[in-house]
Amino acid sequence: MTGIATIRGARLSEREALTALHRRSSYVWEQDRVHFDAHPEIFGVAVEAIAAGDVRVALAADGELLGFATVDRATGELDDLFVAPEHMRMGVGRALVEDAAARARAAGCRELSVTAHPRNFPFYEHVGFVAAEPAATRFGPAFRMRRALPDGG
């Protein structure tokens, strides 16, 4: 098992690796592959988000990319959370959510929010989110979930 050695800001030179991880992570959901195959443009990370410092990567000691998250610190929106399939269920997603929460809180946000498919509720509930209201996405129904970010906690 490879543990997380560090979480840091993504680098523009990692953009291709982030796109590949995004694709591999998404393809674990077999029922969604038809949508992904029809819309390959959904994969990747915006250069602007990397440049703004909104994309954070989790790395192993050997530099292996384990996962990444994108959080808009102005709004507290968790836009992306992707973990390499071989590292899922090992604490990488949790560590990235905690990092995103700390950064959003430091930027003055009172909550962290995410749009999630119901199949992902168990994970998000486990890391402190609660379901709020229904939301529509490009690929079907989802829900907004929210996590309070109290001062100092």
N, C-alpha and C. Protein backbone atom coordinates (compact mmCIF):
# COMPACT_ATOMS: atom_id res chain seq x y z
N MET A 1 0.85 -1.19 0.00
CA MET A 1 0.00 0.00 0.00
C MET A 1 0.89 1.24 0.00
N THR A 2 0.61 2.15 -0.91
CA THR A 2 1.34 3.41 -1.01
C THR A 2 0.59 4.47 -0.23
N GLY A 3 1.27 5.10 0.71
CA GLY A 3 0.65 6.16 1.49
C GLY A 3 0.93 7.52 0.89
N ILE A 4 0.18 8.50 1.37
CA ILE A 4 0.37 9.88 0.92
C ILE A 4 1.58 10.46 1.63
N ALA A 5 2.50 11.00 0.86
CA ALA A 5 3.67 11.67 1.43
C ALA A 5 3.42 13.16 1.52
N THR A 6 2.68 13.69 0.53
CA THR A 6 2.44 15.13 0.52
C THR A 6 1.20 15.46 -0.30
N ILE A 7 0.61 16.59 0.05
CA ILE A 7 -0.43 17.22 -0.77
C ILE A 7 0.08 18.61 -1.05
N ARG A 8 0.11 18.95 -2.33
CA ARG A 8 0.64 20.27 -2.74
C ARG A 8 -0.13 20.75 -3.95
N GLY A 9 0.14 22.00 -4.33
CA GLY A 9 -0.48 22.55 -5.52
C GLY A 9 -0.01 21.83 -6.76
N ALA A 10 -0.94 21.62 -7.69
CA ALA A 10 -0.60 20.99 -8.97
C ALA A 10 0.27 21.92 -9.79
N ARG A 11 1.04 21.33 -10.67
CA ARG A 11 1.91 22.08 -11.58
C ARG A 11 1.37 21.93 -13.01
N LEU A 12 1.57 22.97 -13.80
CA LEU A 12 1.11 22.91 -15.19
C LEU A 12 1.71 21.72 -15.92
N SER A 13 2.94 21.36 -15.57
CA SER A 13 3.61 20.22 -16.22
C SER A 13 2.93 18.89 -15.90
N GLU A 14 2.03 18.87 -14.91
CA GLU A 14 1.31 17.65 -14.53
C GLU A 14 -0.05 17.53 -15.20
N ARG A 15 -0.40 18.48 -16.01
CA ARG A 15 -1.75 18.53 -16.58
C ARG A 15 -2.12 17.26 -17.34
N GLU A 16 -1.22 16.72 -18.13
CA GLU A 16 -1.50 15.50 -18.88
C GLU A 16 -1.72 14.32 -17.93
N ALA A 17 -0.92 14.21 -16.90
CA ALA A 17 -1.08 13.13 -15.91
C ALA A 17 -2.40 13.29 -15.16
N LEU A 18 -2.81 14.51 -14.87
CA LEU A 18 -4.09 14.75 -14.21
C LEU A 18 -5.26 14.31 -15.10
N THR A 19 -5.15 14.61 -16.38
CA THR A 19 -6.19 14.19 -17.33
C THR A 19 -6.29 12.67 -17.38
N ALA A 20 -5.16 12.00 -17.43
CA ALA A 20 -5.16 10.53 -17.48
C ALA A 20 -5.75 9.94 -16.19
N LEU A 21 -5.41 10.51 -15.05
CA LEU A 21 -5.96 10.02 -13.78
C LEU A 21 -7.46 10.28 -13.73
N HIS A 22 -7.89 11.44 -14.18
CA HIS A 22 -9.32 11.79 -14.22
C HIS A 22 -10.08 10.72 -15.02
N ARG A 23 -9.56 10.36 -16.17
CA ARG A 23 -10.20 9.36 -17.03
C ARG A 23 -10.23 7.99 -16.35
N ARG A 24 -9.09 7.54 -15.83
CA ARG A 24 -9.03 6.22 -15.19
C ARG A 24 -9.96 6.14 -13.99
N SER A 25 -10.00 7.18 -13.20
CA SER A 25 -10.86 7.20 -12.02
C SER A 25 -12.34 7.16 -12.42
N SER A 26 -12.69 7.92 -13.44
CA SER A 26 -14.09 7.97 -13.89
C SER A 26 -14.55 6.65 -14.46
N TYR A 27 -13.66 5.95 -15.13
CA TYR A 27 -14.05 4.71 -15.80
C TYR A 27 -14.31 3.54 -14.85
N VAL A 28 -14.14 3.74 -13.55
CA VAL A 28 -14.51 2.67 -12.62
C VAL A 28 -16.02 2.45 -12.63
N TRP A 29 -16.77 3.48 -13.06
CA TRP A 29 -18.23 3.39 -13.12
C TRP A 29 -18.63 2.90 -14.51
N GLU A 30 -18.72 1.59 -14.66
CA GLU A 30 -18.98 0.97 -15.96
C GLU A 30 -20.22 1.53 -16.65
N GLN A 31 -21.28 1.79 -15.89
CA GLN A 31 -22.53 2.27 -16.47
C GLN A 31 -22.40 3.66 -17.10
N ASP A 32 -21.36 4.40 -16.76
CA ASP A 32 -21.18 5.75 -17.29
C ASP A 32 -20.22 5.81 -18.48
N ARG A 33 -19.60 4.72 -18.80
CA ARG A 33 -18.57 4.74 -19.85
C ARG A 33 -19.10 5.22 -21.20
N VAL A 34 -20.34 4.90 -21.52
CA VAL A 34 -20.90 5.34 -22.80
C VAL A 34 -20.92 6.87 -22.87
N HIS A 35 -21.24 7.53 -21.76
CA HIS A 35 -21.24 9.00 -21.73
C HIS A 35 -19.82 9.55 -21.87
N PHE A 36 -18.89 8.91 -21.18
CA PHE A 36 -17.50 9.37 -21.23
C PHE A 36 -16.92 9.19 -22.63
N ASP A 37 -17.23 8.07 -23.25
CA ASP A 37 -16.73 7.83 -24.61
C ASP A 37 -17.29 8.85 -25.59
N ALA A 38 -18.54 9.28 -25.37
CA ALA A 38 -19.17 10.25 -26.26
C ALA A 38 -18.70 11.68 -25.99
N HIS A 39 -18.14 11.92 -24.80
CA HIS A 39 -17.73 13.28 -24.43
C HIS A 39 -16.34 13.28 -23.79
N PRO A 40 -15.31 12.94 -24.54
CA PRO A 40 -13.96 12.89 -23.96
C PRO A 40 -13.45 14.27 -23.52
N GLU A 41 -14.10 15.32 -23.96
CA GLU A 41 -13.67 16.67 -23.58
C GLU A 41 -13.89 16.97 -22.10
N ILE A 42 -14.64 16.13 -21.41
CA ILE A 42 -14.90 16.38 -19.98
C ILE A 42 -13.67 16.11 -19.12
N PHE A 43 -12.72 15.35 -19.64
CA PHE A 43 -11.55 14.99 -18.85
C PHE A 43 -10.50 16.08 -18.88
N GLY A 44 -9.88 16.29 -17.74
CA GLY A 44 -8.80 17.24 -17.65
C GLY A 44 -9.07 18.32 -16.63
N VAL A 45 -8.07 19.16 -16.46
CA VAL A 45 -8.11 20.24 -15.47
C VAL A 45 -7.78 21.54 -16.19
N ALA A 46 -8.54 22.57 -15.89
CA ALA A 46 -8.32 23.87 -16.53
C ALA A 46 -6.98 24.48 -16.11
N VAL A 47 -6.27 25.00 -17.09
CA VAL A 47 -5.01 25.68 -16.84
C VAL A 47 -5.21 26.78 -15.80
N GLU A 48 -6.33 27.49 -15.90
CA GLU A 48 -6.60 28.60 -14.98
C GLU A 48 -6.73 28.12 -13.54
N ALA A 49 -7.33 26.96 -13.34
CA ALA A 49 -7.48 26.42 -11.98
C ALA A 49 -6.12 26.03 -11.40
N ILE A 50 -5.27 25.47 -12.24
CA ILE A 50 -3.92 25.13 -11.77
C ILE A 50 -3.16 26.40 -11.44
N ALA A 51 -3.21 27.38 -12.34
CA ALA A 51 -2.49 28.64 -12.12
C ALA A 51 -2.98 29.38 -10.88
N ALA A 52 -4.26 29.27 -10.58
CA ALA A 52 -4.83 29.94 -9.41
C ALA A 52 -4.51 29.21 -8.10
N GLY A 53 -3.94 28.02 -8.19
CA GLY A 53 -3.63 27.25 -6.99
C GLY A 53 -4.82 26.49 -6.45
N ASP A 54 -5.87 26.31 -7.27
CA ASP A 54 -7.08 25.63 -6.83
C ASP A 54 -7.03 24.12 -6.99
N VAL A 55 -6.02 23.61 -7.67
CA VAL A 55 -5.89 22.16 -7.88
C VAL A 55 -4.77 21.65 -6.98
N ARG A 56 -5.10 20.66 -6.17
CA ARG A 56 -4.14 20.08 -5.25
C ARG A 56 -3.95 18.61 -5.59
N VAL A 57 -2.73 18.14 -5.49
CA VAL A 57 -2.42 16.75 -5.80
C VAL A 57 -1.91 16.03 -4.56
N ALA A 58 -2.28 14.76 -4.45
CA ALA A 58 -1.76 13.88 -3.40
C ALA A 58 -0.70 13.01 -4.06
N LEU A 59 0.48 12.99 -3.45
CA LEU A 59 1.59 12.24 -4.01
C LEU A 59 2.15 11.24 -3.01
N ALA A 60 2.63 10.11 -3.52
CA ALA A 60 3.36 9.14 -2.71
C ALA A 60 4.79 9.63 -2.55
N ALA A 61 5.54 8.99 -1.68
CA ALA A 61 6.93 9.37 -1.44
C ALA A 61 7.77 9.31 -2.71
N ASP A 62 7.43 8.37 -3.61
CA ASP A 62 8.20 8.23 -4.85
C ASP A 62 7.73 9.18 -5.95
N GLY A 63 6.76 10.07 -5.62
CA GLY A 63 6.26 11.04 -6.58
C GLY A 63 5.06 10.56 -7.37
N GLU A 64 4.61 9.33 -7.13
CA GLU A 64 3.45 8.81 -7.84
C GLU A 64 2.21 9.65 -7.52
N LEU A 65 1.47 10.02 -8.56
CA LEU A 65 0.24 10.79 -8.41
C LEU A 65 -0.87 9.85 -7.95
N LEU A 66 -1.40 10.11 -6.75
CA LEU A 66 -2.43 9.26 -6.16
C LEU A 66 -3.83 9.79 -6.41
N GLY A 67 -3.97 11.11 -6.50
CA GLY A 67 -5.27 11.72 -6.69
C GLY A 67 -5.15 13.22 -6.74
N PHE A 68 -6.29 13.87 -7.05
CA PHE A 68 -6.30 15.33 -7.05
C PHE A 68 -7.69 15.85 -6.75
N ALA A 69 -7.72 17.09 -6.30
CA ALA A 69 -8.98 17.77 -6.02
C ALA A 69 -8.87 19.21 -6.49
N THR A 70 -10.00 19.74 -6.94
CA THR A 70 -10.08 21.15 -7.32
C THR A 70 -11.14 21.79 -6.45
N VAL A 71 -10.78 22.86 -5.77
CA VAL A 71 -11.76 23.59 -4.96
C VAL A 71 -11.67 25.07 -5.32
N ASP A 72 -12.81 25.65 -5.60
CA ASP A 72 -12.89 27.08 -5.85
C ASP A 72 -12.97 27.76 -4.48
N ARG A 73 -11.86 28.35 -4.06
CA ARG A 73 -11.80 28.92 -2.72
C ARG A 73 -12.66 30.17 -2.57
N ALA A 74 -13.09 30.75 -3.67
CA ALA A 74 -13.98 31.92 -3.58
C ALA A 74 -15.39 31.50 -3.20
N THR A 75 -15.79 30.29 -3.62
CA THR A 75 -17.16 29.83 -3.38
C THR A 75 -17.26 28.62 -2.46
N GLY A 76 -16.13 27.95 -2.23
CA GLY A 76 -16.15 26.73 -1.44
C GLY A 76 -16.69 25.53 -2.20
N GLU A 77 -16.66 25.58 -3.52
CA GLU A 77 -17.17 24.49 -4.35
C GLU A 77 -16.05 23.48 -4.65
N LEU A 78 -16.26 22.23 -4.27
CA LEU A 78 -15.35 21.15 -4.61
C LEU A 78 -15.75 20.68 -6.01
N ASP A 79 -14.98 21.07 -7.00
CA ASP A 79 -15.34 20.79 -8.39
C ASP A 79 -14.88 19.41 -8.85
N ASP A 80 -13.75 18.98 -8.38
CA ASP A 80 -13.19 17.69 -8.79
C ASP A 80 -12.64 16.97 -7.56
N LEU A 81 -12.80 15.67 -7.56
CA LEU A 81 -12.14 14.81 -6.58
C LEU A 81 -11.97 13.46 -7.26
N PHE A 82 -10.74 13.16 -7.62
CA PHE A 82 -10.46 11.92 -8.35
C PHE A 82 -9.25 11.24 -7.74
N VAL A 83 -9.37 9.94 -7.56
CA VAL A 83 -8.31 9.12 -6.98
C VAL A 83 -8.01 7.99 -7.96
N ALA A 84 -6.74 7.69 -8.13
CA ALA A 84 -6.35 6.57 -8.99
C ALA A 84 -7.04 5.31 -8.49
N PRO A 85 -7.65 4.53 -9.38
CA PRO A 85 -8.41 3.35 -8.95
C PRO A 85 -7.65 2.42 -8.00
N GLU A 86 -6.37 2.23 -8.24
CA GLU A 86 -5.60 1.32 -7.39
C GLU A 86 -5.32 1.89 -6.00
N HIS A 87 -5.68 3.16 -5.79
CA HIS A 87 -5.48 3.79 -4.48
C HIS A 87 -6.80 4.20 -3.82
N MET A 88 -7.92 3.80 -4.43
CA MET A 88 -9.21 4.10 -3.82
C MET A 88 -9.36 3.30 -2.53
N ARG A 89 -10.10 3.86 -1.58
CA ARG A 89 -10.38 3.23 -0.29
C ARG A 89 -9.14 3.10 0.58
N MET A 90 -8.19 4.03 0.38
CA MET A 90 -6.96 4.03 1.17
C MET A 90 -6.72 5.37 1.87
N GLY A 91 -7.73 6.23 1.88
CA GLY A 91 -7.60 7.50 2.59
C GLY A 91 -7.17 8.68 1.74
N VAL A 92 -6.93 8.46 0.47
CA VAL A 92 -6.49 9.55 -0.41
C VAL A 92 -7.62 10.57 -0.60
N GLY A 93 -8.82 10.10 -0.91
CA GLY A 93 -9.95 11.01 -1.09
C GLY A 93 -10.23 11.80 0.17
N ARG A 94 -10.22 11.13 1.32
CA ARG A 94 -10.45 11.82 2.59
C ARG A 94 -9.40 12.91 2.82
N ALA A 95 -8.14 12.58 2.59
CA ALA A 95 -7.07 13.56 2.79
C ALA A 95 -7.24 14.77 1.87
N LEU A 96 -7.64 14.52 0.63
CA LEU A 96 -7.85 15.63 -0.31
C LEU A 96 -9.05 16.49 0.10
N VAL A 97 -10.12 15.86 0.62
CA VAL A 97 -11.28 16.63 1.10
C VAL A 97 -10.87 17.47 2.31
N GLU A 98 -10.11 16.91 3.23
CA GLU A 98 -9.67 17.67 4.41
C GLU A 98 -8.79 18.85 4.00
N ASP A 99 -7.92 18.64 3.02
CA ASP A 99 -7.08 19.71 2.51
C ASP A 99 -7.95 20.80 1.87
N ALA A 100 -8.93 20.39 1.06
CA ALA A 100 -9.83 21.35 0.41
C ALA A 100 -10.62 22.14 1.46
N ALA A 101 -11.11 21.45 2.49
CA ALA A 101 -11.87 22.12 3.55
C ALA A 101 -11.01 23.15 4.27
N ALA A 102 -9.79 22.79 4.59
CA ALA A 102 -8.89 23.71 5.29
C ALA A 102 -8.58 24.93 4.43
N ARG A 103 -8.36 24.72 3.15
CA ARG A 103 -8.05 25.85 2.25
C ARG A 103 -9.27 26.75 2.05
N ALA A 104 -10.45 26.14 1.92
CA ALA A 104 -11.67 26.94 1.75
C ALA A 104 -11.96 27.74 3.02
N ARG A 105 -11.79 27.10 4.18
CA ARG A 105 -12.01 27.78 5.46
C ARG A 105 -11.03 28.95 5.60
N ALA A 106 -9.76 28.72 5.25
CA ALA A 106 -8.75 29.78 5.35
C ALA A 106 -9.07 30.94 4.41
N ALA A 107 -9.79 30.65 3.32
CA ALA A 107 -10.19 31.71 2.38
C ALA A 107 -11.47 32.41 2.80
N GLY A 108 -12.04 31.99 3.95
CA GLY A 108 -13.24 32.64 4.46
C GLY A 108 -14.56 31.97 4.15
N CYS A 109 -14.52 30.80 3.54
CA CYS A 109 -15.76 30.08 3.24
C CYS A 109 -16.32 29.46 4.51
N ARG A 110 -17.63 29.44 4.62
CA ARG A 110 -18.31 28.86 5.78
C ARG A 110 -18.79 27.44 5.50
N GLU A 111 -18.73 27.03 4.22
CA GLU A 111 -19.10 25.66 3.88
C GLU A 111 -18.36 25.22 2.63
N LEU A 112 -18.25 23.91 2.50
CA LEU A 112 -17.71 23.27 1.31
C LEU A 112 -18.89 22.56 0.68
N SER A 113 -19.06 22.71 -0.62
CA SER A 113 -20.18 22.05 -1.31
C SER A 113 -19.67 21.24 -2.48
N VAL A 114 -20.47 20.26 -2.87
CA VAL A 114 -20.12 19.39 -3.98
C VAL A 114 -21.42 18.90 -4.62
N THR A 115 -21.38 18.66 -5.91
CA THR A 115 -22.49 18.02 -6.60
C THR A 115 -22.10 16.56 -6.77
N ALA A 116 -22.95 15.66 -6.23
CA ALA A 116 -22.58 14.24 -6.19
C ALA A 116 -23.71 13.35 -6.68
N HIS A 117 -23.32 12.29 -7.34
CA HIS A 117 -24.25 11.24 -7.73
C HIS A 117 -24.59 10.46 -6.45
N PRO A 118 -25.81 9.98 -6.33
CA PRO A 118 -26.19 9.23 -5.11
C PRO A 118 -25.27 8.06 -4.77
N ARG A 119 -24.66 7.42 -5.76
CA ARG A 119 -23.76 6.30 -5.46
C ARG A 119 -22.53 6.74 -4.67
N ASN A 120 -22.24 8.06 -4.70
CA ASN A 120 -21.09 8.58 -3.96
C ASN A 120 -21.45 9.13 -2.59
N PHE A 121 -22.74 9.08 -2.23
CA PHE A 121 -23.16 9.60 -0.93
C PHE A 121 -22.41 8.97 0.24
N PRO A 122 -22.24 7.65 0.27
CA PRO A 122 -21.56 7.07 1.43
C PRO A 122 -20.18 7.70 1.69
N PHE A 123 -19.41 7.91 0.64
CA PHE A 123 -18.10 8.55 0.83
C PHE A 123 -18.27 9.96 1.36
N TYR A 124 -19.08 10.77 0.69
CA TYR A 124 -19.21 12.17 1.11
C TYR A 124 -19.82 12.30 2.50
N GLU A 125 -20.76 11.45 2.84
CA GLU A 125 -21.31 11.48 4.20
C GLU A 125 -20.24 11.11 5.22
N HIS A 126 -19.40 10.18 4.87
CA HIS A 126 -18.32 9.74 5.76
C HIS A 126 -17.33 10.88 6.06
N VAL A 127 -17.18 11.81 5.11
CA VAL A 127 -16.25 12.92 5.33
C VAL A 127 -16.99 14.22 5.70
N GLY A 128 -18.23 14.08 6.19
CA GLY A 128 -18.91 15.21 6.81
C GLY A 128 -19.91 15.99 5.98
N PHE A 129 -20.23 15.54 4.78
CA PHE A 129 -21.21 16.23 3.95
C PHE A 129 -22.61 15.70 4.26
N VAL A 130 -23.60 16.56 4.04
CA VAL A 130 -25.00 16.14 4.12
C VAL A 130 -25.68 16.53 2.81
N ALA A 131 -26.62 15.69 2.38
CA ALA A 131 -27.35 15.97 1.15
C ALA A 131 -28.22 17.20 1.35
N ALA A 132 -28.26 18.05 0.36
CA ALA A 132 -29.04 19.28 0.44
C ALA A 132 -30.20 19.22 -0.54
N GLU A 133 -29.97 19.61 -1.78
CA GLU A 133 -31.06 19.68 -2.75
C GLU A 133 -30.67 18.97 -4.04
N PRO A 134 -31.68 18.55 -4.81
CA PRO A 134 -31.41 17.91 -6.10
C PRO A 134 -30.69 18.89 -7.04
N ALA A 135 -29.90 18.30 -7.93
CA ALA A 135 -29.19 19.10 -8.93
C ALA A 135 -29.18 18.31 -10.24
N ALA A 136 -29.21 19.02 -11.34
CA ALA A 136 -29.12 18.39 -12.65
C ALA A 136 -27.68 18.51 -13.14
N THR A 137 -27.19 17.44 -13.75
CA THR A 137 -25.86 17.48 -14.36
C THR A 137 -25.99 17.07 -15.83
N ARG A 138 -24.93 17.23 -16.53
CA ARG A 138 -24.89 16.88 -17.95
C ARG A 138 -25.28 15.42 -18.19
N PHE A 139 -24.96 14.56 -17.22
CA PHE A 139 -25.18 13.13 -17.40
C PHE A 139 -26.29 12.57 -16.53
N GLY A 140 -27.11 13.44 -15.94
CA GLY A 140 -28.24 12.93 -15.17
C GLY A 140 -28.38 13.60 -13.82
N PRO A 141 -29.33 13.10 -13.02
CA PRO A 141 -29.62 13.72 -11.73
C PRO A 141 -28.51 13.48 -10.71
N ALA A 142 -28.39 14.44 -9.82
CA ALA A 142 -27.41 14.38 -8.73
C ALA A 142 -27.99 15.19 -7.57
N PHE A 143 -27.17 15.40 -6.56
CA PHE A 143 -27.58 16.22 -5.41
C PHE A 143 -26.44 17.12 -5.00
N ARG A 144 -26.83 18.29 -4.51
CA ARG A 144 -25.87 19.16 -3.87
C ARG A 144 -25.66 18.61 -2.47
N MET A 145 -24.43 18.58 -2.04
CA MET A 145 -24.11 18.17 -0.68
C MET A 145 -23.28 19.29 -0.06
N ARG A 146 -23.43 19.47 1.24
CA ARG A 146 -22.74 20.56 1.92
C ARG A 146 -22.07 20.07 3.20
N ARG A 147 -20.94 20.69 3.49
CA ARG A 147 -20.22 20.43 4.74
C ARG A 147 -19.90 21.77 5.39
N ALA A 148 -20.38 21.95 6.60
CA ALA A 148 -20.12 23.20 7.33
C ALA A 148 -18.63 23.28 7.64
N LEU A 149 -18.10 24.50 7.59
CA LEU A 149 -16.70 24.76 7.92
C LEU A 149 -16.63 25.75 9.07
N PRO A 150 -16.90 25.28 10.28
CA PRO A 150 -16.87 26.20 11.42
C PRO A 150 -15.45 26.70 11.66
N ASP A 151 -15.34 27.86 12.27
CA ASP A 151 -14.03 28.42 12.62
C ASP A 151 -13.26 27.41 13.47
N GLY A 152 -12.03 27.16 13.03
CA GLY A 152 -11.15 26.29 13.80
C GLY A 152 -11.51 24.81 13.78
N GLY A 153 -12.46 24.41 12.92
CA GLY A 153 -12.84 23.00 12.94
C GLY A 153 -13.20 22.44 11.62
